[in-house]
Protein backbone atom coordinates (compact mmCIF):
# COMPACT_ATOMS: atom_id res chain seq x y z
CA UNK A 1 32.94 -58.99 43.23
CA UNK A 2 33.89 -62.17 44.90
CA UNK A 3 31.23 -64.54 45.93
CA UNK A 4 31.73 -67.49 49.29
CA UNK A 5 31.09 -70.91 48.76
CA UNK A 6 31.84 -72.64 52.06
CA UNK A 7 35.50 -72.05 52.01
CA UNK A 8 36.37 -71.43 48.65
CA UNK A 9 35.79 -68.12 47.25
CA UNK A 10 35.46 -67.66 43.17
CA UNK A 11 36.05 -64.35 41.32
CA UNK A 12 32.67 -62.78 39.19
CA UNK A 13 33.26 -60.42 36.83
CA UNK A 14 32.18 -56.79 37.23
CA UNK A 15 28.77 -56.21 35.68
CA UNK A 16 28.32 -55.40 32.14
CA UNK A 17 28.10 -52.13 30.67
CA UNK A 18 24.90 -51.95 30.52
CA UNK A 19 24.43 -52.25 34.12
CA UNK A 20 25.98 -48.78 35.65
CA UNK A 21 27.91 -47.76 37.52
CA UNK A 22 31.21 -49.87 37.51
CA UNK A 23 33.46 -49.43 40.66
CA UNK A 24 36.53 -47.14 40.11
CA UNK A 25 39.15 -45.71 42.20
CA UNK A 26 40.15 -41.49 42.47
CA UNK A 27 43.59 -40.01 43.86
CA UNK A 28 42.26 -41.30 47.12
CA UNK A 29 41.56 -44.49 46.90
CA UNK A 30 38.21 -43.76 47.27
CA UNK A 31 35.31 -46.32 45.71
CA UNK A 32 33.59 -43.68 42.55
CA UNK A 33 31.14 -44.58 39.45
CA UNK A 34 32.45 -44.76 36.45
CA UNK A 35 30.75 -43.51 33.56
CA UNK A 36 30.12 -46.69 31.17
CA UNK A 37 29.34 -44.19 27.99
CA UNK A 38 32.99 -43.20 28.19
CA UNK A 39 35.57 -44.49 25.90
CA UNK A 40 36.63 -48.04 27.31
CA UNK A 41 37.74 -51.41 26.93
CA UNK A 42 37.92 -53.56 29.26
CA UNK A 43 38.99 -56.88 27.76
CA UNK A 44 41.88 -55.06 26.52
CA UNK A 45 42.81 -53.33 29.97
CA UNK A 46 42.65 -57.38 31.35
CA UNK A 47 44.58 -58.47 28.31
CA UNK A 48 47.69 -56.16 29.71
CA UNK A 49 47.13 -57.22 33.16
CA UNK A 50 47.20 -60.83 32.49
CA UNK A 51 50.46 -60.19 29.76
CA UNK A 52 52.19 -58.53 32.50
CA UNK A 53 51.61 -61.61 35.08
CA UNK A 54 51.88 -64.63 32.13
CA UNK A 55 55.56 -62.99 31.15
CA UNK A 56 57.49 -60.18 33.74
CA UNK A 57 59.60 -59.51 30.84
CA UNK A 58 56.37 -58.11 28.57
CA UNK A 59 57.01 -54.55 31.05
CA UNK A 60 59.71 -53.65 28.59
CA UNK A 61 58.06 -53.51 25.48
CA UNK A 62 55.47 -51.13 27.50
CA UNK A 63 57.41 -49.46 30.05
CA UNK A 64 56.81 -45.71 29.57
CA UNK A 65 53.12 -46.28 27.26
CA UNK A 66 51.12 -46.29 30.43
CA UNK A 67 50.31 -45.05 33.89
CA UNK A 68 47.52 -47.06 36.76
CA UNK A 69 45.62 -43.53 35.95
CA UNK A 70 45.02 -44.84 32.10
CA UNK A 71 42.86 -47.54 33.02
CA UNK A 72 39.08 -47.10 33.21
CA UNK A 73 38.47 -49.65 35.82
CA UNK A 74 39.69 -48.92 39.48
CA UNK A 75 40.94 -52.34 40.60
CA UNK A 76 43.07 -52.53 37.27
CA UNK A 77 45.29 -49.38 38.03
CA UNK A 78 45.31 -51.07 41.60
CA UNK A 79 47.01 -53.92 39.69
CA UNK A 80 48.78 -52.20 37.53
CA UNK A 81 50.09 -49.73 40.01
CA UNK A 82 51.35 -52.82 42.12
CA UNK A 83 53.37 -54.20 39.03
CA UNK A 84 54.95 -51.20 38.18
CA UNK A 85 56.30 -50.81 41.79
CA UNK A 86 57.54 -54.26 41.96
CA UNK A 87 59.34 -53.71 38.38
CA UNK A 88 60.84 -50.33 40.32
CA UNK A 89 62.37 -52.15 43.31
CA UNK A 90 63.28 -55.09 41.37
CA UNK A 91 61.53 -57.84 42.29
CA UNK A 92 59.94 -61.12 40.41
CA UNK A 93 56.30 -60.23 39.17
CA UNK A 94 53.92 -63.24 40.01
CA UNK A 95 50.37 -63.75 40.49
CA UNK A 96 52.17 -64.50 44.49
CA UNK A 97 53.90 -61.63 44.60
CA UNK A 98 51.08 -59.42 43.36
CA UNK A 99 48.74 -61.32 45.06
CA UNK A 100 51.04 -60.67 48.51
CA UNK A 101 51.69 -56.89 47.76
CA UNK A 102 48.06 -56.65 46.95
CA UNK A 103 47.22 -57.84 50.36
CA UNK A 104 49.62 -56.06 52.26
CA UNK A 105 47.89 -53.08 50.71
CA UNK A 106 44.74 -54.20 51.92
CA UNK A 107 43.28 -54.28 48.40
CA UNK A 108 43.09 -58.13 47.88
CA UNK A 109 39.67 -58.66 49.45
CA UNK A 110 37.53 -56.40 47.49
CA UNK A 111 38.99 -57.72 43.97
CA UNK A 112 37.95 -61.22 45.19
CA UNK A 113 41.10 -62.51 46.10
CA UNK A 114 43.86 -64.65 43.65
CA UNK A 115 41.32 -65.92 42.11
CA UNK A 116 41.19 -62.35 40.95
CA UNK A 117 44.89 -62.54 39.09
CA UNK A 118 44.06 -66.37 37.88
CA UNK A 119 40.84 -64.95 36.29
CA UNK A 120 42.92 -62.17 34.76
CA UNK A 121 45.78 -64.51 33.14
CA UNK A 122 42.83 -66.80 32.41
CA UNK A 123 40.96 -64.11 30.21
CA UNK A 124 44.93 -63.49 28.37
CA UNK A 125 45.03 -64.99 24.77
CA UNK A 126 48.46 -64.30 24.78
CA UNK A 127 50.80 -61.82 26.16
CA UNK A 128 52.53 -61.60 22.87
CA UNK A 129 50.18 -58.69 21.95
CA UNK A 130 51.03 -56.70 25.01
CA UNK A 131 52.03 -53.74 22.79
CA UNK A 132 48.98 -54.16 20.90
CA UNK A 133 46.71 -54.38 24.26
CA UNK A 134 48.54 -51.47 25.70
CA UNK A 135 47.68 -49.32 22.12
CA UNK A 136 44.25 -49.60 23.00
CA UNK A 137 44.06 -48.55 26.75
CA UNK A 138 46.18 -45.51 25.93
CA UNK A 139 43.49 -44.85 23.15
CA UNK A 140 40.82 -45.03 24.79
CA UNK A 141 42.36 -43.38 27.74
CA UNK A 142 42.72 -40.02 25.54
CA UNK A 143 39.33 -39.96 24.27
CA UNK A 144 38.09 -39.83 27.96
CA UNK A 145 40.51 -37.31 28.33
CA UNK A 146 39.15 -35.36 25.13
CA UNK A 147 35.59 -35.43 26.59
CA UNK A 148 36.63 -34.42 30.22
CA UNK A 149 38.35 -31.74 28.85
CA UNK A 150 35.53 -30.91 26.68
CA UNK A 151 32.56 -30.60 29.24
CA UNK A 152 35.72 -28.44 31.07
CA UNK A 153 35.30 -25.82 28.66
CA UNK A 154 31.59 -26.45 28.29
CA UNK A 155 31.47 -25.26 31.72
CA UNK A 156 33.60 -22.31 31.85
CA UNK A 157 31.87 -21.20 28.56
CA UNK A 158 28.34 -20.84 30.49
CA UNK A 159 30.21 -18.72 33.15
CA UNK A 160 28.16 -15.48 32.92
CA UNK A 161 31.24 -13.65 34.23
CA UNK A 162 33.93 -15.72 32.20
CA UNK A 163 36.63 -13.83 30.67
CA UNK A 164 37.15 -14.79 26.91
CA UNK A 165 41.03 -14.65 26.33
CA UNK A 166 41.37 -16.81 29.56
CA UNK A 167 38.95 -19.25 28.47
CA UNK A 168 40.90 -20.04 24.82
CA UNK A 169 44.06 -19.89 26.81
CA UNK A 170 42.65 -22.76 28.80
CA UNK A 171 41.02 -24.30 25.88
CA UNK A 172 44.02 -24.59 24.50
CA UNK A 173 46.67 -25.66 27.05
CA UNK A 174 43.94 -28.17 28.22
CA UNK A 175 44.03 -29.84 24.81
CA UNK A 176 47.90 -29.16 24.12
CA UNK A 177 48.28 -31.06 27.63
CA UNK A 178 46.88 -34.40 26.28
CA UNK A 179 48.85 -33.97 22.85
CA UNK A 180 52.31 -33.96 24.63
CA UNK A 181 51.18 -36.77 26.79
CA UNK A 182 50.93 -38.68 24.38
CA UNK A 183 53.83 -37.99 22.53
CA UNK A 184 56.17 -37.63 25.46
CA UNK A 185 58.76 -39.85 25.20
CA UNK A 186 61.05 -41.94 28.08
CA UNK A 187 64.78 -42.10 28.83
CA UNK A 188 66.70 -41.34 25.02
CA UNK A 189 69.58 -44.26 25.20
CA UNK A 190 72.91 -43.11 25.40
CA UNK A 191 73.59 -44.76 21.64
CA UNK A 192 70.97 -43.07 19.75
CA UNK A 193 72.37 -39.55 20.69
CA UNK A 194 75.97 -40.38 19.95
CA UNK A 195 73.97 -41.46 16.81
CA UNK A 196 72.19 -38.49 16.11
CA UNK A 197 75.19 -36.17 16.99
CA UNK A 198 76.85 -38.13 14.35
CA UNK A 199 74.57 -37.66 12.01
CA UNK A 200 74.78 -33.78 12.46
CA UNK A 201 78.10 -33.64 12.71
CA UNK A 202 79.04 -35.09 9.00
CA UNK A 203 76.45 -33.06 7.98
CA UNK A 204 77.98 -29.96 9.52
CA UNK A 205 81.84 -31.05 8.65
CA UNK A 206 80.22 -31.13 4.76
CA UNK A 207 78.65 -28.54 4.77
CA UNK A 208 80.59 -25.99 6.57
CA UNK A 209 79.01 -22.86 5.86
CA UNK A 210 75.32 -24.61 7.45
CA UNK A 211 75.08 -22.70 11.05
CA UNK A 212 73.33 -24.96 13.32
CA UNK A 213 70.34 -22.58 14.05
CA UNK A 214 68.52 -20.05 13.08
CA UNK A 215 70.83 -17.42 10.98
CA UNK A 216 71.08 -13.74 12.52
CA UNK A 217 72.48 -12.57 9.03
CA UNK A 218 75.95 -11.22 11.28
CA UNK A 219 78.63 -13.60 10.95
CA UNK A 220 80.03 -12.90 14.27
CA UNK A 221 77.79 -13.54 16.16
CA UNK A 222 76.34 -16.31 14.42
CA UNK A 223 80.00 -18.13 14.72
CA UNK A 224 79.67 -17.42 18.82
CA UNK A 225 75.99 -18.56 19.26
CA UNK A 226 75.46 -21.58 16.73
CA UNK A 227 72.44 -18.96 15.39
CA UNK A 228 68.84 -18.83 17.06
CA UNK A 229 68.77 -22.61 19.00
CA UNK A 230 65.94 -24.46 19.32
CA UNK A 231 63.89 -23.88 23.01
CA UNK A 232 66.31 -21.29 23.64
CA UNK A 233 65.61 -17.57 25.40
CA UNK A 234 67.42 -14.92 23.95
CA UNK A 235 67.32 -11.68 25.23
CA UNK A 236 68.44 -8.74 23.32
CA UNK A 237 68.81 -5.17 25.68
CA UNK A 238 69.64 -1.96 25.35
CA UNK A 239 68.68 1.67 26.15
CA UNK A 240 66.37 3.61 23.64
CA UNK A 241 68.20 3.85 20.68
CA UNK A 242 70.86 1.79 20.38
CA UNK A 243 68.70 -0.09 17.51
CA UNK A 244 67.46 -3.36 19.74
CA UNK A 245 63.84 -3.00 17.36
CA UNK A 246 66.58 -3.03 14.06
CA UNK A 247 68.66 -5.61 15.27
CA UNK A 248 65.93 -7.79 16.09
CA UNK A 249 64.19 -7.09 12.53
CA UNK A 250 67.63 -7.85 10.63
CA UNK A 251 67.36 -10.92 12.72
CA UNK A 252 64.04 -11.33 11.15
CA UNK A 253 64.29 -10.60 7.55
CA UNK A 254 67.73 -13.21 7.53
CA UNK A 255 65.61 -15.78 9.30
CA UNK A 256 62.64 -15.26 6.57
CA UNK A 257 64.35 -14.94 3.71
CA UNK A 258 65.84 -18.54 4.81
CA UNK A 259 62.47 -19.62 4.24
CA UNK A 260 61.71 -20.06 7.82
CA UNK A 261 58.43 -18.79 9.56
CA UNK A 262 58.46 -16.03 11.93
CA UNK A 263 56.06 -14.11 14.63
CA UNK A 264 56.62 -10.81 15.30
CA UNK A 265 54.64 -9.18 18.49
CA UNK A 266 55.48 -5.75 18.01
CA UNK A 267 54.39 -3.71 21.20
CA UNK A 268 55.18 -0.37 20.73
CA UNK A 269 55.19 0.04 16.79
CA UNK A 270 52.83 -0.58 14.84
CA UNK A 271 52.82 -2.85 11.40
CA UNK A 272 52.66 -0.07 8.50
CA UNK A 273 56.19 1.13 10.76
CA UNK A 274 57.36 -2.27 10.58
CA UNK A 275 57.00 -3.07 7.26
CA UNK A 276 58.45 0.66 6.35
CA UNK A 277 61.26 -0.23 7.79
CA UNK A 278 61.61 -3.48 6.55
CA UNK A 279 61.27 -2.29 2.97
CA UNK A 280 63.35 0.44 3.41
CA UNK A 281 66.55 -2.37 5.24
CA UNK A 282 65.43 -4.38 1.76
CA UNK A 283 65.53 -1.33 -1.30
CA UNK A 284 68.06 1.20 0.62
CA UNK A 285 66.04 3.42 0.42
CA UNK A 286 65.73 5.88 3.63
CA UNK A 287 62.62 5.12 5.90
CA UNK A 288 61.84 8.52 6.27
CA UNK A 289 61.70 9.30 2.59
CA UNK A 290 59.59 6.18 2.40
CA UNK A 291 57.43 7.60 5.11
CA UNK A 292 56.10 10.74 3.38
CA UNK A 293 56.83 8.96 -0.27
CA UNK A 294 59.44 10.99 -1.13
CA UNK A 295 61.44 8.93 -3.89
CA UNK A 296 63.20 9.42 -6.70
CA UNK A 297 61.80 8.49 -10.26
CA UNK A 298 65.25 6.08 -10.52
CA UNK A 299 64.62 4.33 -6.99
CA UNK A 300 61.48 3.42 -8.07
CA UNK A 301 62.83 -0.34 -9.78
CA UNK A 302 64.16 -1.04 -6.12
CA UNK A 303 61.31 0.05 -4.23
CA UNK A 304 59.44 -1.96 -6.14
CA UNK A 305 62.05 -4.86 -5.40
CA UNK A 306 62.59 -4.81 -2.57
CA UNK A 307 58.65 -4.20 -1.88
CA UNK A 308 58.49 -7.57 -3.66
CA UNK A 309 60.85 -8.67 -1.51
CA UNK A 310 59.40 -8.51 1.95
CA UNK A 311 56.03 -9.17 0.67
CA UNK A 312 57.42 -12.95 0.33
CA UNK A 313 58.73 -13.22 3.80
CA UNK A 314 56.64 -15.60 6.57
CA UNK A 315 56.68 -12.45 9.08
CA UNK A 316 53.42 -12.80 10.73
CA UNK A 317 53.12 -9.54 13.38
CA UNK A 318 50.54 -9.08 15.80
CA UNK A 319 51.05 -4.91 17.03
CA UNK A 320 48.38 -5.70 19.93
CA UNK A 321 49.78 -3.09 22.89
CA UNK A 322 50.19 -3.87 26.62
CA UNK A 323 49.57 -7.73 25.28
CA UNK A 324 49.62 -9.91 28.20
CA UNK A 325 50.90 -13.21 28.36
CA UNK A 326 48.51 -15.16 28.12
CA UNK A 327 47.34 -14.00 24.86
CA UNK A 328 50.60 -13.84 23.55
CA UNK A 329 51.10 -17.85 24.05
CA UNK A 330 47.27 -18.01 22.94
CA UNK A 331 48.23 -16.93 19.42
CA UNK A 332 51.63 -17.92 19.12
CA UNK A 333 50.11 -22.04 19.46
CA UNK A 334 47.83 -20.97 17.12
CA UNK A 335 50.35 -19.72 14.54
CA UNK A 336 52.10 -22.82 14.54
CA UNK A 337 49.39 -24.56 14.27
CA UNK A 338 48.09 -23.12 10.95
CA UNK A 339 50.83 -21.32 9.35
CA UNK A 340 53.89 -23.23 11.53
CA UNK A 341 56.71 -20.85 13.15
CA UNK A 342 60.90 -21.24 13.40
CA UNK A 343 61.48 -18.27 15.73
CA UNK A 344 59.91 -16.02 17.98
CA UNK A 345 60.18 -11.97 18.80
CA UNK A 346 58.40 -10.06 21.19
CA UNK A 347 59.68 -6.18 21.21
CA UNK A 348 59.35 -5.49 23.69
CA UNK A 349 58.87 -7.24 27.20
CA UNK A 350 58.70 -4.77 29.61
CA UNK A 351 55.30 -3.39 27.27
CA UNK A 352 53.50 -7.08 28.36
CA UNK A 353 51.10 -7.61 30.97
CA UNK A 354 51.23 -10.36 33.19
CA UNK A 355 48.18 -12.60 33.53
CA UNK A 356 47.48 -11.87 37.32
CA UNK A 357 48.04 -8.62 39.62
CA UNK A 358 51.79 -9.47 40.88
CA UNK A 359 52.37 -7.30 44.25
CA UNK A 360 55.11 -5.57 42.24
CA UNK A 361 56.34 -4.89 38.49
CA UNK A 362 59.88 -6.79 39.14
CA UNK A 363 57.29 -10.20 40.13
CA UNK A 364 55.53 -9.55 36.98
CA UNK A 365 58.62 -8.71 35.25
CA UNK A 366 59.78 -12.42 36.72
CA UNK A 367 56.12 -14.08 35.80
CA UNK A 368 56.86 -12.48 31.90
CA UNK A 369 60.05 -14.04 31.62
CA UNK A 370 59.67 -16.89 32.65
CA UNK A 371 56.52 -18.11 30.88
CA UNK A 372 58.61 -16.74 27.41
CA UNK A 373 61.34 -19.25 28.52
CA UNK A 374 58.96 -21.89 29.17
CA UNK A 375 56.85 -21.27 25.62
CA UNK A 376 60.17 -21.32 23.75
CA UNK A 377 60.37 -24.76 25.32
CA UNK A 378 57.17 -25.49 24.53
CA UNK A 379 56.71 -24.71 20.64
CA UNK A 380 60.75 -25.55 20.14
CA UNK A 381 61.69 -22.58 19.24
CA UNK A 382 63.90 -19.95 19.52
CA UNK A 383 62.52 -16.56 21.16
CA UNK A 384 64.06 -13.29 20.92
CA UNK A 385 62.55 -10.88 23.66
CA UNK A 386 63.63 -7.15 23.66
CA UNK A 387 64.28 -5.83 27.00
CA UNK A 388 64.66 -1.83 28.06
CA UNK A 389 68.57 -1.59 30.44
CA UNK A 390 68.00 0.30 33.43
CA UNK A 391 70.15 4.18 34.29
CA UNK A 392 72.31 2.37 36.23
CA UNK A 393 75.53 2.26 32.57
CA UNK A 394 74.49 5.78 32.14
CA UNK A 395 76.03 7.05 35.96
CA UNK A 396 79.39 4.48 34.97
CA UNK A 397 82.20 5.72 33.24
CA UNK A 398 82.20 3.10 30.52
CA UNK A 399 78.77 3.20 29.79
CA UNK A 400 78.62 -0.47 28.12
CA UNK A 401 75.56 -2.25 29.22
CA UNK A 402 76.42 -4.96 32.14
CA UNK A 403 73.87 -8.41 33.55
CA UNK A 404 72.85 -6.32 36.61
CA UNK A 405 71.72 -3.57 34.27
CA UNK A 406 68.68 -5.53 32.94
CA UNK A 407 65.31 -3.60 34.34
CA UNK A 408 62.81 -4.43 37.12
CA UNK A 409 64.13 -7.94 37.32
CA UNK A 410 67.13 -10.52 38.05
CA UNK A 411 65.27 -13.44 36.53
CA UNK A 412 65.53 -12.16 33.24
CA UNK A 413 69.18 -13.14 33.30
CA UNK A 414 68.32 -16.34 35.36
CA UNK A 415 65.62 -17.20 32.78
CA UNK A 416 67.08 -16.14 29.51
CA UNK A 417 69.85 -18.83 27.70
CA UNK A 418 71.25 -15.89 26.21
CA UNK A 419 71.76 -12.52 26.68
CA UNK A 420 72.62 -9.48 24.19
CA UNK A 421 73.77 -5.88 24.38
CA UNK A 422 73.28 -3.65 21.86
CA UNK A 423 75.77 -0.35 22.53
CA UNK A 424 76.64 2.86 20.40
CA UNK A 425 78.85 4.66 21.71
CA UNK A 426 77.85 7.46 19.33
CA UNK A 427 74.91 7.87 21.59
CA UNK A 428 76.73 9.47 24.18
CA UNK A 429 80.20 10.38 22.32
CA UNK A 430 78.41 12.71 19.58
CA UNK A 431 82.47 12.93 18.32
CA UNK A 432 83.20 9.27 19.06
CA UNK A 433 86.14 8.16 16.11
CA UNK A 434 83.68 5.44 15.61
CA UNK A 435 80.80 6.41 14.50
CA UNK A 436 77.68 4.08 13.04
CA UNK A 437 79.75 1.17 14.45
CA UNK A 438 77.45 -0.46 16.95
CA UNK A 439 79.16 -3.31 19.53
CA UNK A 440 77.10 -6.32 20.07
CA UNK A 441 78.13 -7.54 23.73
CA UNK A 442 77.31 -11.53 24.59
CA UNK A 443 77.46 -10.90 27.97
CA UNK A 444 75.45 -14.90 28.99
CA UNK A 445 75.58 -17.92 27.04
CA UNK A 446 74.38 -20.83 28.84
CA UNK A 447 75.90 -23.41 26.03
CA UNK A 448 78.80 -21.73 25.41
CA UNK A 449 81.30 -19.22 24.94
CA UNK A 450 80.69 -15.01 25.43
CA UNK A 451 82.29 -12.04 23.77
CA UNK A 452 82.38 -8.54 21.96
CA UNK A 453 82.17 -7.36 19.05
CA UNK A 454 81.48 -4.62 16.26
CA UNK A 455 78.97 -4.29 13.52
CA UNK A 456 77.64 -1.79 11.15
CA UNK A 457 74.27 0.31 12.04
CA UNK A 458 73.34 2.28 8.82
CA UNK A 459 70.65 4.66 10.77
CA UNK A 460 68.88 5.40 7.53
CA UNK A 461 67.66 2.50 6.98
CA UNK A 462 67.52 0.12 10.92
CA UNK A 463 69.80 -2.34 9.69
CA UNK A 464 72.99 -4.21 11.07
CA UNK A 465 75.21 -5.95 8.72
CA UNK A 466 79.23 -6.98 9.41
CA UNK A 467 81.47 -4.40 9.35
CA UNK A 468 83.99 -4.92 6.58
CA UNK A 469 86.72 -2.82 7.22
CA UNK A 470 89.06 -2.40 3.94
CA UNK A 471 92.70 -1.20 3.73
CA UNK A 472 93.58 1.65 1.31
CA UNK A 473 97.03 2.07 -0.05
CA UNK A 474 97.94 5.29 1.23
CA UNK A 475 99.33 7.81 -1.52
CA UNK A 476 102.25 9.93 -0.52
CA UNK A 477 102.25 11.66 -3.44
CA UNK A 478 105.67 9.74 -4.69
CA UNK A 479 103.93 9.36 -8.01
CA UNK A 480 103.12 13.19 -8.44
């Protein structure tokens, strides 16, 4: 890298690409051989470093775009890391300060001394185009990452003991991580945030009937939550028979009617059962009569109309039983890429499997709930996950569920952004004065208020609707 001529030292450029290997450094600072057939552009790397040495303000234009590990040549990574540290400490960035920092790290001699930094400056056409040089460095880094991920997948696929689902999930995760690293932004300014908030506020003010998130179809619930929000994990819980699946299906159909794309993982019911319920809810015909084909002649028009309406909905159903978190993640990513995805419904959590064997079921459920929350953030969509409750509520006088009733794991409450309970008094009191009335209880709302309200549940068509109370004047027989 450097040759001595008496007391003078001159810098010699690294070997040309035809003369591998080029020197590099790994994460431990050790020299490694680099494969020069990998995508790279040494001139662009030199130009970035030279621009930063010529014009310290050039850093502002490429901040958050590059990091030391994106450089192909290890020596370039050293210099960039030093410049980055000087900038972070608020120090002056110039050939003298950079050389001093490299000297203190015992790296300057390996680079070829101050002559190396002077050569970088001489090889830089101008600092004006530093963003273009940085884009080239980033592009070649991304291509190297793609090659590395592909190589890893090839090796995994050749393993005779490889699990197909695990390999596919790993492949999707690897390439999604590369894509995310490319699109990952830095800090956002309050100015930009306020501007976006003002635009959103003005739009909602001009359109007062618009729900900020995905509408559920229930006015009181939408008023409380503002709809289902992106990146939120919404836990819908209740004892068996309370109508959790029916409520989730009602929300799914409402979203689909508004041209949203909904993915439903049904671990308990088959796709045929779900479709029957959907057509029943849409047509108003008893689901049991649809199941047995007992449709009257006068009902066929509404039955066909309801069927056509359901067929037009963008609801994608996967009824794989005991699906694992890994499979669910992979299928969700694929659905998002191929069809688009605005809402994900999981019915229900306790029927899922963890990716690895856990010491106990509580730990496994914790991993499942954490994975669903991560999936909501990754895909930037709301995830509505159904959950069973323990029997604890049945031993109390007031059988309305509370957060501690969430079955098998307190982490469900921790991971959830919203916890919504369904309670129907008629399940415990057949003679209740409130038949066909369900109470929806929002016990946790990370970004807003909690509360409870009543809705109407028509069991024959498994449909939830807003409860409308009409007061009729009483006839005391005065006019009789």
